[in-house]
Each structure stands twice: as structure tokens, then as C-alpha cells.
Amino acid sequence: MSDVAENTALAELLGAIADRRIRRKVQKLLQLGEEAVRALGELDAALYVHEHGEEQIQIVADAVLSHFRRLLEMLGVLRSEATTDEAVEAPARTSSPRILAVRNMSDEQKWQSLVREIDTLQYGLNSELREFDRRFSDALSHDRKEQALVDLNDATTALMDGVFAVMACVYECFLGHAEPERMIPGHRDTLGKGLAVRRAVAELRRTVRTFNRVLQDRATPPAEAESNYRGVVAAMVDFIERDVFFYLRSDTRKEFGNFRDVLEPGDAARNRLDCEGFDKYLDSLAFLSQRGVLIKHDTDLKAKITAELGRAVTYAAVLPELVCEVFQESFVKAERLFGLSDQIDAIVEAWSLLPLEGRADVDRILPLARALLELVRPPPAAAPPASGDFF
């Protein structure tokens, strides 16, 4: 299995399984999962790096999905085991795998618990794959290549999340916990990629905005304008050459490539308007936060912060030391919202610049906590219409 030496999470898992037969099955399942993730992650290289990759989209799709289909086949075999292997009955499902795993269960009981969990996952992954096959085939049969590319990109993202879910289930059933970022070294799940992209784009947008503001000022001396223009280009090129750039969808990467082709060989005098266009384009990437996985992450996190800060602000005058600890925990959570809102980022940055003694001073941190609470608190629900009001 590749990267076994570096994969401490896998070593920990296999070391916890005494039954050699079950250990081999678990290792095989995780091996197929890793191969599926790596194959799905090679989509971009197969499509956009190799010559004529986009023209061979059917061949590429078959190649990147082949390991995923093998994983599904094994899940099907495990599902059949659940109905034919009655040698050991797993405990009744009364709680989550996390709770079951910390009990004194045998390896066989943990394996049976895993098989039961996989039943639901296999059904969902099969449904996702069938729907992709239908849409992909329809797009190609009607010569809608761009639509086929979009379908393939979307499917690889969803299926990769599904593979991570299967692997996480294995870890939860045998160890009681799972850390997706450690399961396959070098790979992130969709949420991790989404958060990394949002942060990197937000940092790029603010850097470009600073340089472009000076550049667009007609009173700026030519030498200074050129220096700021070069700053825009350098920030753009640095972003494109980072790993996080490849977490973007292919159409977004192409847009960045177009801007690079125009701006990199240009100068401030000729490309002032192009710089303004790039600045506006970065503003338009706010849609990155509208992906389902990020919406759920942000909604859940803001709800937690709201609950914590709401109580702490109320008792700030009575329990200053205690609420300062709560405030700090809330601001740490808010850091994971980086890039969602300039206002939230500004408040979190103001908190991060406070010295340690300042973070323990309720008078200094309370105004920031109240400001953050107002930004993360959901808007009040609209009042129902009065009787007889229908519009």
C-alpha cells in the first residue's frame, strides 16, 4: 500500500486489530479507497495537462473512475457478507459507531458493525454514480462537451467525498474516531479544500485591491503605478503556482490563465483597465462560499459562535474571567470563517492583534465580542402576515 510508512493513522488502525483475517480485509478496503481518491484527484492532469485530454473525455472518465468502481464492487461483497455471515452477531445499533468502538467489542463485532454502516454508504455512492453515468452519457450523445466536463468535475468531487466517508467509517468503527486529513497523506476532503481556497482567494483579493487602488489613481506617478502593477502580477502568479490553485474548478483556473496571459507581459500604462477587471473578477469569486459543504460548515459554526457569545456577553460583568475564555474560544472558531466576510475577518484580525493580557481584559475584548456576535447572528425571522394580509 502506498505511503504506508508516512501514514501514521493507518498504522495506528491496523495495530489495533488483532484478528489477521479482519486486518487484511480492512487494509484491502482502505487500499482501494486510497487508490480511488488518488485516481479521482488525477482528473485535472488527465484532462488539461495531457495533449488532447479534453477530446478524450470518455477515456479519461473511465480511467479516473475505474478505481472507484473497484471500491464499489468490494463494498457490494461486504454487503452480501452482512446477509450471509451469521457466525457472529454484532450488537444492536443503539448508538453511533464512535460510541460502539470504545466499548469492549471483539474485532469481529467491530467488523460486523462496519459492514452494517457500509450498507447505507454503498447505496448512496451507487446512486451518485448512476446519476453521473446518465447525465454524462446524455451530454456526450448530444455533443455537449462542456456540460460533460462540468458533470465529470462535479462527480469526482462528490465521489471523492463519498470515498472519504467510507474510510472515515472504517476508522470510527475500529478506533472510535477519524481524522480525514490524516487518512491519505497529501489529500484533503472537499471541506478542507474549500476552506483553503476561500482563504487563499480572500488574501489574494485584498492584496490586489491594495495595489490596484493606487494604480487606478490617475494622480499616481508613473514609476509608482508600475511598481503597484508589478505587485498585482506577482500576487497573481504566486497564487497560480500554489497547490491550492488546483483545488479550483477547471473553468476558474482557465480564467486565471487568461488574466495571466494578458497581465504578465503588460505594464501599468497599457493594462490599467485589465488590472481593474482582474480586481472585479476576484470580487465575483464570492460564489465560492456558496458550495453546499461550505454553507453547512459556516451555518453550523456561526450557530455555535452565536450561542457561546450570546451567553457570555450577558454575564460579562458578573464572570469576567470565565467569559474571556469563552470569547477566545469563539474567536478561534471564527478564524475558520476566514474569507466569508470582510467584516468578520476585520474583527478577528483586531482580536488576533491583541496581546495576551488584552485578551484577558473583558473591557477590551467585550466590544469585539459584541461586534462579532452581530455579524454571525442569523437575521430575525420575518413576522407572519397579519390576518387578511396575503401580499
Protein backbone atom coordinates (compact mmCIF):
# COMPACT_ATOMS: atom_id res chain seq x y z
CA MET A 1 0.00 0.00 0.00
CA SER A 2 1.47 3.37 -0.97
CA ASP A 3 2.63 5.84 1.66
CA VAL A 4 2.18 3.27 4.44
CA ALA A 5 5.40 4.44 6.13
CA GLU A 6 4.15 8.02 6.30
CA ASN A 7 0.55 7.12 7.16
CA THR A 8 0.63 7.01 10.94
CA ALA A 9 -3.18 6.92 11.09
CA LEU A 10 -3.23 3.69 9.10
CA ALA A 11 -0.50 2.17 11.26
CA GLU A 12 -2.50 3.06 14.37
CA LEU A 13 -5.63 1.46 12.94
CA LEU A 14 -4.01 -1.78 11.78
CA GLY A 15 -2.14 -2.06 15.06
CA ALA A 16 -5.46 -2.03 16.90
CA ILE A 17 -6.80 -5.10 15.01
CA ALA A 18 -5.63 -8.41 16.44
CA ASP A 19 -7.56 -10.67 14.05
CA ARG A 20 -5.29 -11.15 11.00
CA ARG A 21 -8.16 -12.02 8.66
CA ILE A 22 -10.05 -8.86 9.53
CA ARG A 23 -6.88 -6.80 9.44
CA ARG A 24 -6.22 -7.94 5.85
CA LYS A 25 -9.79 -7.07 4.81
CA VAL A 26 -9.57 -3.64 6.44
CA GLN A 27 -6.23 -2.96 4.78
CA LYS A 28 -7.60 -4.02 1.38
CA LEU A 29 -10.65 -1.80 1.81
CA LEU A 30 -8.53 1.21 2.73
CA GLN A 31 -6.10 0.47 -0.10
CA LEU A 32 -8.95 0.57 -2.62
CA GLY A 33 -10.18 3.79 -1.00
CA GLU A 34 -6.77 5.42 -1.30
CA GLU A 35 -6.40 4.31 -4.90
CA ALA A 36 -9.85 5.70 -5.71
CA VAL A 37 -9.05 9.07 -4.13
CA ARG A 38 -5.73 9.35 -5.95
CA ALA A 39 -7.29 8.37 -9.28
CA LEU A 40 -10.11 10.90 -8.87
CA GLY A 41 -7.51 13.51 -8.00
CA GLU A 42 -5.72 12.91 -11.30
CA LEU A 43 -8.66 14.16 -13.35
CA ASP A 44 -7.15 17.58 -13.99
CA ALA A 45 -3.82 16.21 -15.14
CA ALA A 46 -5.54 13.75 -17.47
CA LEU A 47 -7.87 16.37 -18.98
CA TYR A 48 -5.89 19.59 -19.07
CA VAL A 49 -2.20 18.68 -18.99
CA HIS A 50 -2.01 15.80 -21.43
CA GLU A 51 -2.36 16.78 -25.06
CA HIS A 52 -5.89 16.32 -26.41
CA GLY A 53 -7.10 15.28 -22.95
CA GLU A 54 -10.41 17.12 -23.25
CA GLU A 55 -11.05 15.47 -26.61
CA GLN A 56 -10.72 12.05 -24.97
CA ILE A 57 -13.10 12.76 -22.15
CA GLN A 58 -14.79 9.33 -22.25
CA ILE A 59 -11.43 7.54 -21.92
CA VAL A 60 -10.38 9.92 -19.13
CA ALA A 61 -13.66 9.39 -17.28
CA ASP A 62 -13.31 5.61 -17.49
CA ALA A 63 -9.73 5.81 -16.20
CA VAL A 64 -10.31 8.11 -13.21
CA LEU A 65 -13.46 6.24 -12.17
CA SER A 66 -12.07 2.72 -12.58
CA HIS A 67 -10.64 2.53 -9.05
CA PHE A 68 -13.84 3.95 -7.61
CA ARG A 69 -15.83 1.22 -9.35
CA ARG A 70 -13.48 -1.39 -7.85
CA LEU A 71 -14.13 0.05 -4.41
CA LEU A 72 -17.88 -0.17 -5.02
CA GLU A 73 -17.51 -3.81 -6.02
CA MET A 74 -15.80 -4.59 -2.73
CA LEU A 75 -18.49 -2.73 -0.82
CA GLY A 76 -21.04 -4.91 -2.58
CA VAL A 77 -19.19 -8.02 -1.44
CA LEU A 78 -19.16 -6.73 2.13
CA ARG A 79 -22.87 -6.00 1.91
CA SER A 80 -23.51 -9.62 0.92
CA GLU A 81 -21.47 -10.72 3.94
CA ALA A 82 -23.91 -8.90 6.18
CA THR A 83 -26.73 -11.19 5.00
CA THR A 84 -24.81 -14.49 4.75
CA ASP A 85 -22.34 -14.43 7.65
CA GLU A 86 -24.30 -15.21 10.79
CA ALA A 87 -21.40 -16.62 12.81
CA VAL A 88 -21.10 -13.54 14.98
CA GLU A 89 -23.96 -11.17 15.63
CA ALA A 90 -22.96 -7.53 16.02
CA PRO A 91 -24.57 -5.68 18.91
CA ALA A 92 -27.84 -3.93 18.14
CA ARG A 93 -27.36 -0.47 16.69
CA THR A 94 -28.22 1.71 19.68
CA SER A 95 -25.65 4.46 19.21
CA SER A 96 -23.08 5.81 16.79
CA PRO A 97 -20.01 3.84 15.63
CA ARG A 98 -17.88 6.22 17.72
CA ILE A 99 -19.59 5.02 20.90
CA LEU A 100 -19.65 1.37 19.86
CA ALA A 101 -15.94 1.40 19.06
CA VAL A 102 -14.88 2.48 22.53
CA ARG A 103 -16.68 -0.42 24.15
CA ASN A 104 -15.06 -3.78 24.74
CA MET A 105 -16.03 -5.27 21.39
CA SER A 106 -14.22 -8.03 19.57
CA ASP A 107 -12.67 -7.40 16.16
CA GLU A 108 -15.42 -9.48 14.58
CA GLN A 109 -18.13 -7.41 16.22
CA LYS A 110 -16.46 -4.19 15.06
CA TRP A 111 -16.22 -5.61 11.55
CA GLN A 112 -19.90 -6.50 11.52
CA SER A 113 -20.71 -3.00 12.75
CA LEU A 114 -18.67 -1.60 9.86
CA VAL A 115 -20.44 -3.82 7.34
CA ARG A 116 -23.80 -2.53 8.53
CA GLU A 117 -22.63 1.07 8.22
CA ILE A 118 -21.28 0.47 4.72
CA ASP A 119 -24.69 -0.70 3.52
CA THR A 120 -26.04 2.86 3.57
CA LEU A 121 -22.85 4.37 2.12
CA GLN A 122 -22.79 1.90 -0.77
CA TYR A 123 -26.39 2.73 -1.68
CA GLY A 124 -25.63 6.47 -1.77
CA LEU A 125 -22.44 6.06 -3.81
CA ASN A 126 -24.13 3.75 -6.30
CA SER A 127 -26.94 6.28 -6.73
CA GLU A 128 -24.44 9.11 -7.26
CA LEU A 129 -22.52 7.10 -9.85
CA ARG A 130 -25.65 6.02 -11.74
CA GLU A 131 -26.86 9.62 -11.92
CA PHE A 132 -23.47 10.75 -13.22
CA ASP A 133 -23.39 7.98 -15.84
CA ARG A 134 -26.84 9.05 -17.05
CA ARG A 135 -26.03 12.78 -17.29
CA PHE A 136 -22.56 12.21 -18.73
CA SER A 137 -23.81 9.84 -21.41
CA ASP A 138 -26.62 12.21 -22.34
CA ALA A 139 -24.24 15.18 -22.64
CA LEU A 140 -21.81 13.27 -24.88
CA SER A 141 -24.55 11.80 -27.06
CA HIS A 142 -25.79 15.35 -27.78
CA ASP A 143 -22.23 16.69 -28.31
CA ARG A 144 -22.38 18.92 -25.23
CA LYS A 145 -18.73 18.53 -24.30
CA GLU A 146 -18.62 21.48 -21.92
CA GLN A 147 -21.59 20.08 -20.00
CA ALA A 148 -19.89 16.68 -19.89
CA LEU A 149 -16.77 18.31 -18.43
CA VAL A 150 -18.85 20.05 -15.75
CA ASP A 151 -20.63 16.78 -14.91
CA LEU A 152 -17.32 14.94 -14.63
CA ASN A 153 -15.78 17.62 -12.41
CA ASP A 154 -18.84 17.65 -10.14
CA ALA A 155 -18.95 13.86 -9.95
CA THR A 156 -15.30 13.47 -8.99
CA THR A 157 -15.77 15.96 -6.13
CA ALA A 158 -18.89 14.22 -4.81
CA LEU A 159 -17.45 10.72 -5.21
CA MET A 160 -14.19 11.69 -3.51
CA ASP A 161 -16.20 12.88 -0.51
CA GLY A 162 -18.01 9.55 -0.58
CA VAL A 163 -14.74 7.62 -0.51
CA PHE A 164 -13.56 9.71 2.44
CA ALA A 165 -16.85 8.90 4.19
CA VAL A 166 -16.25 5.16 3.71
CA MET A 167 -12.71 5.41 5.03
CA ALA A 168 -13.78 7.57 7.97
CA CYS A 169 -16.40 4.95 8.81
CA VAL A 170 -13.68 2.29 9.00
CA TYR A 171 -11.64 4.38 11.42
CA GLU A 172 -14.67 5.24 13.55
CA CYS A 173 -15.78 1.63 13.86
CA PHE A 174 -12.35 0.34 14.88
CA LEU A 175 -10.81 3.31 16.71
CA GLY A 176 -13.81 5.42 17.69
CA HIS A 177 -12.56 8.49 15.82
CA ALA A 178 -11.47 9.56 12.35
CA GLU A 179 -9.23 12.37 11.11
CA PRO A 180 -9.81 12.70 7.34
CA GLU A 181 -6.74 14.85 6.78
CA ARG A 182 -4.54 12.00 8.13
CA MET A 183 -6.18 9.09 6.34
CA ILE A 184 -4.50 9.78 3.00
CA PRO A 185 -1.38 11.94 3.42
CA GLY A 186 -1.32 14.80 0.94
CA HIS A 187 -5.06 14.79 0.25
CA ARG A 188 -7.82 16.93 1.71
CA ASP A 189 -11.52 16.35 1.69
CA THR A 190 -13.81 18.81 -0.07
CA LEU A 191 -14.38 20.93 3.04
CA GLY A 192 -10.66 21.24 3.66
CA LYS A 193 -10.09 22.23 0.05
CA GLY A 194 -12.99 24.69 0.11
CA LEU A 195 -11.68 26.42 3.23
CA ALA A 196 -8.15 26.57 1.82
CA VAL A 197 -9.38 28.04 -1.48
CA ARG A 198 -11.56 30.62 0.23
CA ARG A 199 -8.72 31.78 2.47
CA ALA A 200 -6.21 31.97 -0.39
CA VAL A 201 -8.61 33.84 -2.70
CA ALA A 202 -9.52 36.30 0.08
CA GLU A 203 -5.85 37.02 0.74
CA LEU A 204 -5.19 37.48 -2.98
CA ARG A 205 -8.23 39.73 -3.39
CA ARG A 206 -7.14 42.04 -0.56
CA THR A 207 -3.57 42.21 -1.83
CA VAL A 208 -4.69 43.00 -5.38
CA ARG A 209 -7.22 45.56 -4.12
CA THR A 210 -4.48 47.44 -2.24
CA PHE A 211 -2.17 47.61 -5.26
CA ASN A 212 -4.96 48.30 -7.75
CA ARG A 213 -6.38 51.19 -5.72
CA VAL A 214 -3.08 53.05 -6.09
CA LEU A 215 -2.77 52.02 -9.73
CA GLN A 216 -6.21 53.36 -10.66
CA ASP A 217 -5.50 56.76 -9.08
CA ARG A 218 -4.61 58.99 -12.02
CA ALA A 219 -2.52 61.16 -9.74
CA THR A 220 -0.12 58.28 -9.01
CA PRO A 221 3.35 58.91 -10.55
CA PRO A 222 4.18 56.50 -13.42
CA ALA A 223 7.00 54.76 -11.56
CA GLU A 224 4.80 54.14 -8.53
CA ALA A 225 1.95 52.94 -10.73
CA GLU A 226 4.27 50.48 -12.44
CA SER A 227 5.51 49.22 -9.07
CA ASN A 228 1.95 48.56 -7.94
CA TYR A 229 1.13 46.92 -11.26
CA ARG A 230 4.03 44.53 -10.74
CA GLY A 231 2.68 43.85 -7.26
CA VAL A 232 -0.64 42.73 -8.77
CA VAL A 233 1.12 40.45 -11.25
CA ALA A 234 3.42 38.96 -8.61
CA ALA A 235 0.49 38.20 -6.29
CA MET A 236 -1.46 36.58 -9.13
CA VAL A 237 1.46 34.43 -10.28
CA ASP A 238 2.24 33.36 -6.73
CA PHE A 239 -1.37 32.23 -6.27
CA ILE A 240 -1.42 30.32 -9.56
CA GLU A 241 1.77 28.47 -8.67
CA ARG A 242 0.49 27.31 -5.27
CA ASP A 243 -1.07 23.88 -4.68
CA VAL A 244 -4.34 25.46 -3.58
CA PHE A 245 -4.83 26.82 -7.11
CA PHE A 246 -5.53 23.28 -8.34
CA TYR A 247 -8.42 22.95 -5.89
CA LEU A 248 -10.33 25.43 -8.08
CA ARG A 249 -12.64 24.20 -10.79
CA SER A 250 -11.15 23.95 -14.26
CA ASP A 251 -13.17 26.84 -15.71
CA THR A 252 -11.98 29.16 -12.91
CA ARG A 253 -8.37 28.11 -13.47
CA LYS A 254 -8.76 28.89 -17.15
CA GLU A 255 -9.93 32.42 -16.31
CA PHE A 256 -6.85 32.93 -14.17
CA GLY A 257 -4.73 31.68 -17.04
CA ASN A 258 -6.33 34.21 -19.36
CA PHE A 259 -5.60 37.06 -16.95
CA ARG A 260 -2.02 35.88 -16.58
CA ASP A 261 -1.53 35.84 -20.36
CA VAL A 262 -2.70 39.46 -20.52
CA LEU A 263 -1.16 40.96 -17.39
CA GLU A 264 2.22 39.27 -17.03
CA PRO A 265 3.77 40.66 -20.25
CA GLY A 266 1.98 44.02 -19.87
CA ASP A 267 2.60 47.22 -17.94
CA ALA A 268 0.71 49.84 -15.98
CA ALA A 269 0.25 52.23 -18.89
CA ARG A 270 -1.30 49.68 -21.26
CA ASN A 271 -3.10 47.37 -18.85
CA ARG A 272 -4.63 49.65 -16.25
CA LEU A 273 -8.17 48.60 -17.20
CA ASP A 274 -7.18 44.92 -17.31
CA CYS A 275 -5.97 45.23 -13.73
CA GLU A 276 -9.31 46.73 -12.75
CA GLY A 277 -11.03 43.82 -14.48
CA PHE A 278 -8.94 41.32 -12.54
CA ASP A 279 -9.81 43.09 -9.30
CA LYS A 280 -13.52 42.89 -10.12
CA TYR A 281 -13.18 39.24 -11.14
CA LEU A 282 -11.74 38.39 -7.72
CA ASP A 283 -14.75 40.09 -6.13
CA SER A 284 -17.01 37.84 -8.19
CA LEU A 285 -15.43 34.73 -6.66
CA ALA A 286 -17.53 35.24 -3.54
CA PHE A 287 -19.67 32.46 -5.02
CA LEU A 288 -17.02 30.03 -3.76
CA SER A 289 -18.69 30.22 -0.34
CA GLN A 290 -22.00 29.06 -1.83
CA ARG A 291 -20.91 25.44 -2.20
CA GLY A 292 -23.09 23.16 -0.10
CA VAL A 293 -20.27 21.84 2.08
CA LEU A 294 -19.14 25.39 2.96
CA ILE A 295 -22.67 26.65 3.57
CA LYS A 296 -23.25 23.86 6.10
CA HIS A 297 -19.86 24.45 7.73
CA ASP A 298 -20.44 28.20 8.00
CA THR A 299 -24.04 27.88 9.20
CA ASP A 300 -23.14 25.37 11.90
CA LEU A 301 -20.11 27.35 13.04
CA LYS A 302 -21.97 30.66 13.19
CA ALA A 303 -24.72 28.99 15.23
CA LYS A 304 -22.15 27.71 17.74
CA ILE A 305 -20.45 31.10 18.00
CA THR A 306 -23.81 32.84 18.41
CA ALA A 307 -24.82 30.51 21.25
CA GLU A 308 -21.48 30.90 23.03
CA LEU A 309 -21.20 34.67 22.66
CA GLY A 310 -24.86 35.29 23.43
CA ARG A 311 -24.49 33.75 26.87
CA ALA A 312 -21.02 35.17 27.55
CA VAL A 313 -21.96 38.75 26.68
CA THR A 314 -24.88 38.54 29.10
CA TYR A 315 -22.64 37.53 32.01
CA ALA A 316 -19.58 39.61 31.12
CA ALA A 317 -19.95 41.94 34.10
CA VAL A 318 -20.54 39.11 36.58
CA LEU A 319 -17.97 36.49 35.45
CA PRO A 320 -15.29 38.44 33.54
CA GLU A 321 -12.54 35.78 33.71
CA LEU A 322 -14.82 32.98 32.60
CA VAL A 323 -16.37 34.90 29.71
CA CYS A 324 -12.95 35.97 28.42
CA GLU A 325 -12.12 32.28 27.95
CA VAL A 326 -15.38 31.80 26.08
CA PHE A 327 -14.65 34.87 23.94
CA GLN A 328 -11.25 33.46 22.99
CA GLU A 329 -12.76 30.09 22.03
CA SER A 330 -15.34 31.87 19.88
CA PHE A 331 -12.72 33.93 18.07
CA VAL A 332 -10.69 30.81 17.38
CA LYS A 333 -13.81 29.28 15.79
CA ALA A 334 -14.39 32.49 13.81
CA GLU A 335 -10.96 32.16 12.23
CA ARG A 336 -12.38 29.20 10.29
CA LEU A 337 -14.78 31.62 8.61
CA PHE A 338 -11.87 33.49 7.02
CA GLY A 339 -12.81 34.82 3.61
CA LEU A 340 -16.57 34.59 4.13
CA SER A 341 -16.93 38.24 5.16
CA ASP A 342 -14.52 41.17 5.18
CA GLN A 343 -16.27 42.47 8.31
CA ILE A 344 -15.82 39.22 10.23
CA ASP A 345 -12.20 38.99 9.10
CA ALA A 346 -11.53 42.54 10.31
CA ILE A 347 -12.96 41.77 13.76
CA VAL A 348 -10.99 38.53 14.04
CA GLU A 349 -7.82 40.30 12.94
CA ALA A 350 -8.36 43.01 15.57
CA TRP A 351 -8.68 40.25 18.18
CA SER A 352 -5.55 38.46 16.93
CA LEU A 353 -3.52 41.66 17.31
CA LEU A 354 -4.40 42.00 20.98
CA PRO A 355 -1.62 40.99 23.39
CA LEU A 356 -2.35 38.10 25.74
CA GLU A 357 -3.16 40.48 28.57
CA GLY A 358 -5.58 42.30 26.28
CA ARG A 359 -7.46 39.06 25.50
CA ALA A 360 -7.90 38.56 29.25
CA ASP A 361 -9.24 42.11 29.74
CA VAL A 362 -13.02 41.96 29.45
CA ASP A 363 -13.28 45.71 28.82
CA ARG A 364 -11.05 45.44 25.76
CA ILE A 365 -12.44 42.24 24.30
CA LEU A 366 -16.15 42.78 25.02
CA PRO A 367 -16.68 45.35 22.21
CA LEU A 368 -15.07 42.96 19.72
CA ALA A 369 -17.17 40.07 21.01
CA ARG A 370 -20.36 42.10 20.60
CA ALA A 371 -19.37 43.11 17.08
CA LEU A 372 -18.64 39.51 16.14
CA LEU A 373 -21.95 38.38 17.62
CA GLU A 374 -23.85 40.86 15.46
CA LEU A 375 -22.07 39.59 12.35
CA VAL A 376 -22.64 35.87 12.94
CA ARG A 377 -26.11 36.05 14.46
CA PRO A 378 -28.80 34.97 11.95
CA PRO A 379 -31.22 37.69 10.90
CA PRO A 380 -34.52 37.70 12.79
CA ALA A 381 -37.29 35.72 11.17
CA ALA A 382 -39.86 37.79 9.34
CA ALA A 383 -43.10 38.26 11.26
CA PRO A 384 -46.07 36.33 9.84
CA PRO A 385 -48.56 38.45 7.93
CA ALA A 386 -51.49 39.83 9.90
CA SER A 387 -54.86 38.26 9.35
CA GLY A 388 -56.20 39.25 5.97
CA ASP A 389 -52.73 40.26 4.59
CA PHE A 390 -51.79 38.00 1.74
CA PHE A 391 -49.17 40.04 -0.12
